[in-house]
Amino acid sequence: MDMVMKKFWITTLGCKINQYESESVRERWLRMGYEQAENDAEAHEIVINSCAVTAAALRDLRQTVRGINRRNPEGKIIIAGCAAQVFAKELAELPGVADVIPQERKFELLKLEDQPEISEGHTLFQPFEIDDYERSRAVVKVQDGCSHRCTYCIVPITRGPSVSRSADDVLNEISRLLDSGFREMIISGINLSHYGREFDESFDFWDLMKLIENEFGAEWDGRARLRISSLEPGQLNERALEVFSKSNLICPQLHLSLQSGDRAVLKRMGRGHYKPEDVLVFLDKLKDVWPVFGLGADILTGFPGETEEEFKNTLEFCRKLPLSYAHVFPYSVRPGTAAASMKGQLDGPTKKERGRILREMIEEKKQEFLHQISKMDSLKVLFQNKNKGICEFYSTCILEEGFENKVPRDLIEVKPVAASKDSLTVKIK
């Protein structure tokens, strides 16, 4: 088949890092002369960038493969990414699958003339980069992998140990994205607390954020912004407060990889390196820097051995947090992890019920936050379509009267009109 006529489609499952890597492959294939199909049914090659972080992610992957194969039985399906790293044999037997490319070799999709060599332990920072993005907000990947090995987490198995991107490459990519018209970029990694470890022990994630601020802060103040994808509670220190207080670019919103509010559960998770109460102390100090800020968290409920009292400790701790949203996950066994063989595995209904209780409480907090910011005089919104966008606090905003023509890519100043269950109604100031 003529390479110029080859049509492709990329389906991305899972995290923002997968989104980033898919975009890098998409840009590369377009430059090579491939054509992006209108949908997966019309493509000659379909890449599925997979996730393996939960058992549900693997079920979603199987369903996705079967659905594509039904719609396009002649299509060549390539499964890449984290699930391909761990479940290659099983995935290769699914209908329509022509190739399985594990995460450690995902860069082969770029079809570079000079392919990098994989070192032992696949600690290579794979050569993905982007100039553009099909979404309204661009992801900037600065770090990959994790060297911590939480007892429940499959990521160190799928993505290997931590590896960081050079600061120069990060700055260059942000510059390219600003030139392309992007006005919100998400600084992302698998574990940002490990950034820079292989460079210099004195250079970490906060040093990177200072460099970005020094390079772009003055010029883009009020016109562009940065969002940090997810932070470890252990990163919430005085240096973080200093960076936030001096930044013109960082959104007043944090997302924390909290997982539990009970110290005994955290210890069993392999996350005894921070204390839940320290988070409260930091957030109290943060009010002096950001009087109002959005706060999200990842919470894992139903971990092996989690007692009713331990669950209540997490519930009560989350009540104390000024949460504006949270992602609650029931624990699922991941093969090869220490928690998979722990005693005290909880039954499904118990995990589901605890998740429901947490979500209901967090929904109340979300309502309180939306009501609070609905009284503000103005917000800055990045619109993702003709009437929907997100403000600096990461809350969804719905425009009272949507844009008739092209959606602006700039940050638009709006005035809140009312708060509803999941969003704010706003109008342009």
Protein backbone atom coordinates (compact mmCIF):
# COMPACT_ATOMS: atom_id res chain seq x y z
CA MET A 1 0.00 0.00 0.00
CA ASP A 2 1.25 3.48 -0.85
CA MET A 3 2.51 5.03 2.40
CA VAL A 4 0.94 8.40 1.51
CA MET A 5 -2.50 6.78 1.36
CA LYS A 6 -2.20 4.92 4.65
CA LYS A 7 -4.95 6.02 7.01
CA PHE A 8 -4.51 5.72 10.77
CA TRP A 9 -6.53 6.22 13.92
CA ILE A 10 -5.26 6.46 17.50
CA THR A 11 -7.42 5.61 20.52
CA THR A 12 -6.05 6.65 23.90
CA LEU A 13 -7.03 5.05 27.21
CA GLY A 14 -5.81 6.17 30.62
CA CYS A 15 -3.72 9.07 31.81
CA LYS A 16 -2.58 12.44 30.47
CA ILE A 17 0.87 10.97 29.76
CA ASN A 18 -0.76 8.50 27.37
CA GLN A 19 -2.58 11.42 25.73
CA TYR A 20 0.73 13.20 25.29
CA GLU A 21 2.48 10.18 23.78
CA SER A 22 -0.43 9.55 21.41
CA GLU A 23 -0.28 13.15 20.21
CA SER A 24 3.45 12.80 19.57
CA VAL A 25 2.85 9.68 17.44
CA ARG A 26 -0.01 11.41 15.59
CA GLU A 27 2.17 14.41 14.68
CA ARG A 28 5.00 12.15 13.58
CA TRP A 29 2.80 9.99 11.34
CA LEU A 30 1.26 13.05 9.71
CA ARG A 31 4.74 14.40 8.95
CA MET A 32 5.59 11.01 7.41
CA GLY A 33 2.70 11.42 4.98
CA TYR A 34 0.10 9.21 6.67
CA GLU A 35 -3.48 10.45 6.70
CA GLN A 36 -5.61 10.62 9.83
CA ALA A 37 -8.89 8.78 9.25
CA GLU A 38 -12.28 10.21 10.16
CA ASN A 39 -12.85 7.32 12.58
CA ASP A 40 -11.49 3.89 13.49
CA ALA A 41 -13.76 2.13 10.97
CA GLU A 42 -11.99 3.84 8.05
CA ALA A 43 -8.41 3.33 9.21
CA HIS A 44 -5.87 0.86 7.87
CA GLU A 45 -3.93 0.95 11.13
CA ILE A 46 -5.44 1.58 14.56
CA VAL A 47 -3.18 2.24 17.54
CA ILE A 48 -4.69 1.68 20.96
CA ASN A 49 -2.58 3.36 23.63
CA SER A 50 -3.49 1.24 26.64
CA CYS A 51 -3.72 1.62 30.40
CA ALA A 52 -3.26 -1.03 33.10
CA VAL A 53 -3.67 0.94 36.32
CA THR A 54 -6.93 -0.83 37.29
CA ALA A 55 -8.70 -4.05 36.42
CA ALA A 56 -11.43 -1.92 34.83
CA ALA A 57 -8.83 -0.41 32.49
CA LEU A 58 -8.03 -3.87 31.14
CA ARG A 59 -11.73 -4.65 30.65
CA ASP A 60 -12.14 -1.36 28.78
CA LEU A 61 -9.21 -2.27 26.55
CA ARG A 62 -10.67 -5.65 25.61
CA GLN A 63 -14.04 -4.07 24.82
CA THR A 64 -12.33 -1.37 22.74
CA VAL A 65 -10.41 -3.94 20.69
CA ARG A 66 -13.50 -6.05 20.03
CA GLY A 67 -15.56 -3.01 19.11
CA ILE A 68 -12.98 -1.76 16.62
CA ASN A 69 -12.61 -5.23 15.13
CA ARG A 70 -16.39 -5.46 14.61
CA ARG A 71 -16.49 -2.07 12.89
CA ASN A 72 -13.30 -2.64 10.91
CA PRO A 73 -12.45 -6.36 10.53
CA GLU A 74 -9.71 -5.56 7.97
CA GLY A 75 -8.03 -2.95 10.16
CA LYS A 76 -4.62 -3.69 11.64
CA ILE A 77 -4.86 -3.14 15.41
CA ILE A 78 -1.68 -2.25 17.31
CA ILE A 79 -1.90 -2.31 21.11
CA ALA A 80 0.79 -0.20 22.78
CA GLY A 81 1.50 1.04 26.27
CA CYS A 82 1.14 -0.12 29.84
CA ALA A 83 -1.25 -3.05 29.39
CA ALA A 84 0.93 -4.24 26.51
CA GLN A 85 3.90 -4.25 28.89
CA VAL A 86 2.27 -6.72 31.29
CA PHE A 87 -0.40 -8.62 29.35
CA ALA A 88 1.24 -8.97 25.92
CA LYS A 89 0.45 -12.66 25.39
CA GLU A 90 -3.22 -12.31 26.29
CA LEU A 91 -3.68 -9.17 24.20
CA ALA A 92 -2.02 -10.67 21.13
CA GLU A 93 -4.84 -13.23 20.97
CA LEU A 94 -7.63 -10.64 20.77
CA PRO A 95 -9.40 -10.37 17.38
CA GLY A 96 -7.75 -8.09 14.84
CA VAL A 97 -4.58 -7.50 16.86
CA ALA A 98 -1.57 -7.43 14.54
CA ASP A 99 1.08 -6.22 16.97
CA VAL A 100 1.60 -5.59 20.69
CA ILE A 101 4.20 -2.96 21.59
CA PRO A 102 5.10 -2.75 25.28
CA GLN A 103 5.50 0.60 27.02
CA GLU A 104 9.28 0.30 27.11
CA ARG A 105 9.32 0.19 23.30
CA LYS A 106 6.46 2.59 22.59
CA PHE A 107 8.90 5.02 20.96
CA GLU A 108 9.17 2.55 18.05
CA LEU A 109 5.80 3.91 16.92
CA LEU A 110 7.64 7.14 16.06
CA LYS A 111 9.53 5.21 13.36
CA LEU A 112 12.64 7.34 13.87
CA GLU A 113 15.66 6.80 11.65
CA ASP A 114 17.92 6.66 14.70
CA GLN A 115 16.04 4.59 17.23
CA PRO A 116 17.39 4.97 20.79
CA GLU A 117 18.74 1.90 22.54
CA ILE A 118 16.96 0.64 25.64
CA SER A 119 19.23 0.49 28.65
CA GLU A 120 18.72 -2.17 31.30
CA GLY A 121 15.68 -1.26 33.38
CA HIS A 122 14.30 0.84 30.48
CA THR A 123 15.22 4.16 32.15
CA LEU A 124 15.29 5.91 28.78
CA PHE A 125 13.27 9.13 28.58
CA GLN A 126 11.56 8.19 25.36
CA PRO A 127 11.86 10.77 22.56
CA PHE A 128 8.25 11.91 22.45
CA GLU A 129 7.67 15.59 21.80
CA ILE A 130 4.82 17.73 20.52
CA ASP A 131 4.32 20.96 18.61
CA ASP A 132 0.55 21.00 18.61
CA TYR A 133 -2.41 19.25 20.23
CA GLU A 134 -5.88 18.22 19.14
CA ARG A 135 -7.26 19.31 22.49
CA SER A 136 -7.73 22.85 23.78
CA ARG A 137 -5.20 22.31 26.57
CA ALA A 138 -1.75 20.87 25.91
CA VAL A 139 0.06 18.35 28.09
CA VAL A 140 3.80 18.83 28.62
CA LYS A 141 5.42 15.60 29.78
CA VAL A 142 8.42 16.27 32.04
CA GLN A 143 8.90 12.92 33.80
CA ASP A 144 8.09 9.24 33.33
CA GLY A 145 8.08 6.09 35.45
CA CYS A 146 8.25 5.71 39.21
CA SER A 147 10.90 4.31 41.55
CA HIS A 148 8.76 4.20 44.68
CA ARG A 149 6.79 0.95 44.33
CA CYS A 150 3.63 1.55 46.33
CA THR A 151 2.30 -1.87 47.25
CA TYR A 152 -0.91 -1.52 45.17
CA CYS A 153 0.56 0.10 42.07
CA ILE A 154 1.44 -1.59 38.78
CA VAL A 155 3.02 1.55 37.24
CA PRO A 156 6.65 0.75 38.19
CA ILE A 157 6.17 -2.58 36.41
CA THR A 158 4.58 -1.04 33.33
CA ARG A 159 6.65 2.14 33.00
CA GLY A 160 9.82 1.29 34.85
CA PRO A 161 11.87 3.47 37.21
CA SER A 162 11.73 7.24 37.23
CA VAL A 163 13.37 9.18 34.40
CA SER A 164 13.28 12.94 33.81
CA ARG A 165 13.21 15.16 30.76
CA SER A 166 15.87 17.82 30.40
CA ALA A 167 14.82 21.31 31.45
CA ASP A 168 15.89 22.71 28.07
CA ASP A 169 13.57 20.31 26.24
CA VAL A 170 10.71 21.29 28.54
CA LEU A 171 11.29 25.02 27.97
CA ASN A 172 11.55 24.54 24.21
CA GLU A 173 8.30 22.60 24.09
CA ILE A 174 6.40 25.19 26.14
CA SER A 175 7.73 27.88 23.78
CA ARG A 176 6.53 25.93 20.73
CA LEU A 177 3.09 25.42 22.26
CA LEU A 178 2.74 29.10 23.13
CA ASP A 179 3.71 29.96 19.56
CA SER A 180 1.05 27.50 18.34
CA GLY A 181 -1.59 29.40 20.30
CA PHE A 182 -2.02 27.29 23.44
CA ARG A 183 -2.87 29.25 26.55
CA GLU A 184 -3.04 26.45 29.11
CA MET A 185 -0.44 23.74 29.51
CA ILE A 186 -0.55 20.88 32.00
CA ILE A 187 2.85 20.03 33.47
CA SER A 188 2.62 16.26 33.78
CA GLY A 189 4.55 13.21 34.90
CA ILE A 190 3.96 9.83 36.46
CA ASN A 191 5.55 10.94 39.76
CA LEU A 192 6.64 14.59 39.72
CA SER A 193 8.30 14.20 43.13
CA HIS A 194 11.02 12.12 41.42
CA TYR A 195 11.81 14.77 38.81
CA GLY A 196 15.53 15.52 38.46
CA ARG A 197 16.84 12.71 40.66
CA GLU A 198 19.18 11.42 37.95
CA PHE A 199 20.43 14.94 37.08
CA ASP A 200 21.52 16.48 40.33
CA GLU A 201 20.26 15.92 43.84
CA SER A 202 19.95 19.69 44.28
CA PHE A 203 17.64 20.11 41.25
CA ASP A 204 14.01 19.01 41.61
CA PHE A 205 10.53 19.71 40.30
CA TRP A 206 10.27 23.06 42.05
CA ASP A 207 13.53 24.17 40.44
CA LEU A 208 12.03 23.25 37.06
CA MET A 209 8.93 25.34 37.80
CA LYS A 210 11.17 28.28 38.76
CA LEU A 211 12.98 27.99 35.41
CA ILE A 212 9.68 27.96 33.54
CA GLU A 213 8.51 31.01 35.48
CA ASN A 214 11.75 32.90 34.81
CA GLU A 215 11.49 32.11 31.09
CA PHE A 216 7.81 32.87 30.49
CA GLY A 217 6.25 34.47 33.60
CA ALA A 218 6.73 38.15 32.81
CA GLU A 219 5.79 37.94 29.12
CA TRP A 220 2.73 35.73 29.54
CA ASP A 221 1.35 37.03 32.84
CA GLY A 222 -2.45 37.05 32.53
CA ARG A 223 -2.37 35.66 28.98
CA ALA A 224 -1.34 32.03 29.55
CA ARG A 225 -1.29 29.65 32.48
CA LEU A 226 0.19 26.41 33.75
CA ARG A 227 -1.59 23.65 35.61
CA ILE A 228 0.27 20.98 37.60
CA SER A 229 -1.21 17.55 36.94
CA SER A 230 -0.70 15.77 40.26
CA LEU A 231 1.54 16.21 43.29
CA GLU A 232 2.67 13.89 46.04
CA PRO A 233 1.69 15.18 49.52
CA GLY A 234 5.39 15.00 50.43
CA GLN A 235 6.08 17.76 47.89
CA LEU A 236 3.95 20.25 49.83
CA ASN A 237 6.71 22.15 51.58
CA GLU A 238 8.07 25.67 52.00
CA ARG A 239 9.66 25.55 48.55
CA ALA A 240 6.27 24.84 47.03
CA LEU A 241 4.79 27.84 48.84
CA GLU A 242 7.64 30.02 47.55
CA VAL A 243 7.08 28.89 43.95
CA PHE A 244 3.33 29.45 44.16
CA SER A 245 3.73 32.88 45.75
CA LYS A 246 6.08 34.13 43.01
CA SER A 247 4.36 32.59 39.99
CA ASN A 248 2.36 34.56 37.42
CA LEU A 249 1.47 31.38 35.56
CA ILE A 250 0.48 28.55 37.93
CA CYS A 251 -3.28 28.07 38.34
CA PRO A 252 -4.57 28.30 41.93
CA GLN A 253 -5.50 24.64 41.91
CA LEU A 254 -3.78 21.47 43.11
CA HIS A 255 -4.42 17.79 42.62
CA LEU A 256 -2.97 15.50 45.29
CA SER A 257 -2.11 11.82 45.13
CA LEU A 258 -3.51 11.37 48.63
CA GLN A 259 -4.84 7.75 48.46
CA SER A 260 -5.82 7.53 52.15
CA GLY A 261 -6.31 9.67 55.21
CA ASP A 262 -5.36 6.88 57.64
CA ARG A 263 -1.70 6.52 58.61
CA ALA A 264 -1.85 2.75 59.10
CA VAL A 265 -3.37 2.24 55.65
CA LEU A 266 -0.80 4.57 54.11
CA LYS A 267 1.95 2.51 55.73
CA ARG A 268 0.53 -0.72 54.25
CA MET A 269 0.33 1.04 50.90
CA GLY A 270 4.05 1.85 51.11
CA ARG A 271 3.19 5.51 51.49
CA GLY A 272 4.34 6.11 55.04
CA HIS A 273 6.59 8.96 53.87
CA TYR A 274 3.92 11.59 54.57
CA LYS A 275 1.40 12.27 57.30
CA PRO A 276 -2.14 13.28 56.40
CA GLU A 277 -2.13 16.01 59.03
CA ASP A 278 0.86 17.67 57.32
CA VAL A 279 -1.35 18.25 54.28
CA LEU A 280 -3.79 20.25 56.42
CA VAL A 281 -0.97 22.39 57.80
CA PHE A 282 0.30 23.15 54.29
CA LEU A 283 -3.14 23.98 52.92
CA ASP A 284 -3.71 26.37 55.81
CA LYS A 285 -0.49 28.21 54.87
CA LEU A 286 -1.47 28.14 51.21
CA LYS A 287 -4.50 30.34 51.98
CA ASP A 288 -2.07 33.23 52.52
CA VAL A 289 -0.81 32.74 48.93
CA TRP A 290 -4.09 31.74 47.27
CA PRO A 291 -7.10 32.92 49.30
CA VAL A 292 -9.24 30.75 47.01
CA PHE A 293 -7.98 27.58 45.31
CA GLY A 294 -9.35 24.42 43.77
CA LEU A 295 -8.30 21.14 45.36
CA GLY A 296 -8.64 17.65 43.97
CA ALA A 297 -7.36 14.31 45.22
CA ASP A 298 -7.04 10.66 44.28
CA ILE A 299 -8.46 8.42 47.00
CA LEU A 300 -8.16 4.63 47.04
CA THR A 301 -10.76 2.92 49.19
CA GLY A 302 -11.15 -0.71 50.25
CA PHE A 303 -7.41 -1.42 50.46
CA PRO A 304 -6.58 -4.88 51.87
CA GLY A 305 -7.16 -4.94 55.61
CA GLU A 306 -8.92 -1.55 55.69
CA THR A 307 -11.07 -1.66 58.82
CA GLU A 308 -14.27 0.29 59.35
CA GLU A 309 -12.37 2.60 61.69
CA GLU A 310 -9.58 3.18 59.15
CA PHE A 311 -12.15 3.98 56.50
CA LYS A 312 -13.85 6.46 58.85
CA ASN A 313 -10.48 8.09 59.48
CA THR A 314 -10.13 8.68 55.73
CA LEU A 315 -13.70 9.94 55.52
CA GLU A 316 -13.22 12.38 58.40
CA PHE A 317 -9.88 13.54 57.04
CA CYS A 318 -11.44 14.27 53.66
CA ARG A 319 -14.17 16.26 55.42
CA LYS A 320 -11.44 18.55 56.76
CA LEU A 321 -9.90 19.09 53.32
CA PRO A 322 -11.18 22.03 51.22
CA LEU A 323 -11.88 19.67 48.31
CA SER A 324 -13.55 20.98 45.16
CA TYR A 325 -13.58 17.50 43.57
CA ALA A 326 -11.90 14.09 43.94
CA HIS A 327 -11.41 10.81 42.10
CA VAL A 328 -12.41 7.84 44.27
CA PHE A 329 -11.20 4.41 43.20
CA PRO A 330 -12.13 1.09 44.82
CA TYR A 331 -8.99 -1.01 45.23
CA SER A 332 -8.47 -3.61 42.49
CA VAL A 333 -5.87 -6.39 42.56
CA ARG A 334 -3.02 -5.77 40.13
CA PRO A 335 -0.81 -8.77 39.27
CA GLY A 336 2.79 -8.57 40.41
CA THR A 337 2.14 -6.04 43.18
CA ALA A 338 2.72 -6.70 46.88
CA ALA A 339 -0.87 -5.84 47.84
CA ALA A 340 -2.21 -8.57 45.55
CA SER A 341 -1.11 -11.23 48.06
CA MET A 342 -1.96 -9.32 51.24
CA LYS A 343 -4.39 -10.80 53.72
CA GLY A 344 -7.72 -9.13 54.37
CA GLN A 345 -8.88 -8.58 50.78
CA LEU A 346 -12.25 -6.84 50.99
CA ASP A 347 -15.32 -8.01 49.09
CA GLY A 348 -16.67 -6.02 46.17
CA PRO A 349 -19.86 -4.73 47.83
CA THR A 350 -17.89 -3.33 50.79
CA LYS A 351 -15.45 -1.50 48.51
CA LYS A 352 -18.32 -0.20 46.39
CA GLU A 353 -20.26 1.07 49.42
CA ARG A 354 -17.24 2.86 50.89
CA GLY A 355 -16.63 4.48 47.53
CA ARG A 356 -20.25 5.64 47.41
CA ILE A 357 -20.04 7.20 50.88
CA LEU A 358 -16.86 9.08 49.98
CA ARG A 359 -18.24 10.30 46.66
CA GLU A 360 -21.43 11.61 48.28
CA MET A 361 -19.46 13.61 50.84
CA ILE A 362 -17.11 14.97 48.16
CA GLU A 363 -20.09 15.94 45.99
CA GLU A 364 -21.35 18.11 48.85
CA LYS A 365 -17.95 19.79 49.04
CA LYS A 366 -17.97 20.37 45.30
CA GLN A 367 -21.34 22.11 45.62
CA GLU A 368 -20.02 24.32 48.40
CA PHE A 369 -17.00 25.32 46.32
CA LEU A 370 -19.07 26.10 43.21
CA HIS A 371 -21.38 28.25 45.34
CA GLN A 372 -18.35 30.05 46.79
CA ILE A 373 -16.76 30.95 43.46
CA SER A 374 -20.14 31.83 41.91
CA LYS A 375 -19.99 34.98 44.05
CA MET A 376 -16.65 36.11 42.58
CA ASP A 377 -16.57 39.15 40.33
CA SER A 378 -14.63 37.45 37.52
CA LEU A 379 -12.98 34.24 36.39
CA LYS A 380 -10.72 33.38 33.48
CA VAL A 381 -11.98 30.55 31.33
CA LEU A 382 -10.34 28.48 28.63
CA PHE A 383 -13.18 27.31 26.40
CA GLN A 384 -13.06 23.79 25.01
CA ASN A 385 -16.10 24.17 22.76
CA LYS A 386 -18.73 26.81 21.94
CA ASN A 387 -20.16 27.01 25.44
CA LYS A 388 -18.08 24.91 27.84
CA GLY A 389 -14.69 25.56 29.44
CA ILE A 390 -12.72 25.47 32.67
CA CYS A 391 -11.69 28.31 34.95
CA GLU A 392 -8.45 28.74 36.87
CA PHE A 393 -9.87 26.68 39.77
CA TYR A 394 -10.55 23.70 37.43
CA SER A 395 -14.30 24.07 37.70
CA THR A 396 -16.49 23.61 34.64
CA CYS A 397 -18.04 26.81 33.29
CA ILE A 398 -21.01 26.93 30.90
CA LEU A 399 -21.41 30.08 28.84
CA GLU A 400 -24.91 31.55 29.05
CA GLU A 401 -24.83 32.37 25.34
CA GLY A 402 -22.32 30.24 23.45
CA PHE A 403 -19.96 31.47 20.74
CA GLU A 404 -21.61 31.51 17.35
CA ASN A 405 -18.43 31.27 15.33
CA LYS A 406 -14.89 30.16 16.09
CA VAL A 407 -14.12 29.36 19.73
CA PRO A 408 -11.34 31.66 21.03
CA ARG A 409 -8.13 30.03 22.25
CA ASP A 410 -7.32 32.90 24.60
CA LEU A 411 -8.22 33.02 28.28
CA ILE A 412 -11.59 34.78 28.41
CA GLU A 413 -12.69 36.88 31.38
CA VAL A 414 -16.20 35.96 32.51
CA LYS A 415 -18.58 36.77 35.33
CA PRO A 416 -20.29 33.94 37.23
CA VAL A 417 -24.08 34.00 37.03
CA ALA A 418 -25.14 30.91 38.97
CA ALA A 419 -23.93 27.60 40.37
CA SER A 420 -25.56 24.31 39.41
CA LYS A 421 -24.81 20.71 40.39
CA ASP A 422 -21.68 20.24 38.28
CA SER A 423 -20.78 23.65 36.89
CA LEU A 424 -21.04 27.42 36.90
CA THR A 425 -23.14 29.38 34.46
CA VAL A 426 -21.09 32.39 33.29
CA LYS A 427 -21.31 35.33 30.90
CA ILE A 428 -18.54 37.24 29.15
CA LYS A 429 -17.62 40.44 30.99
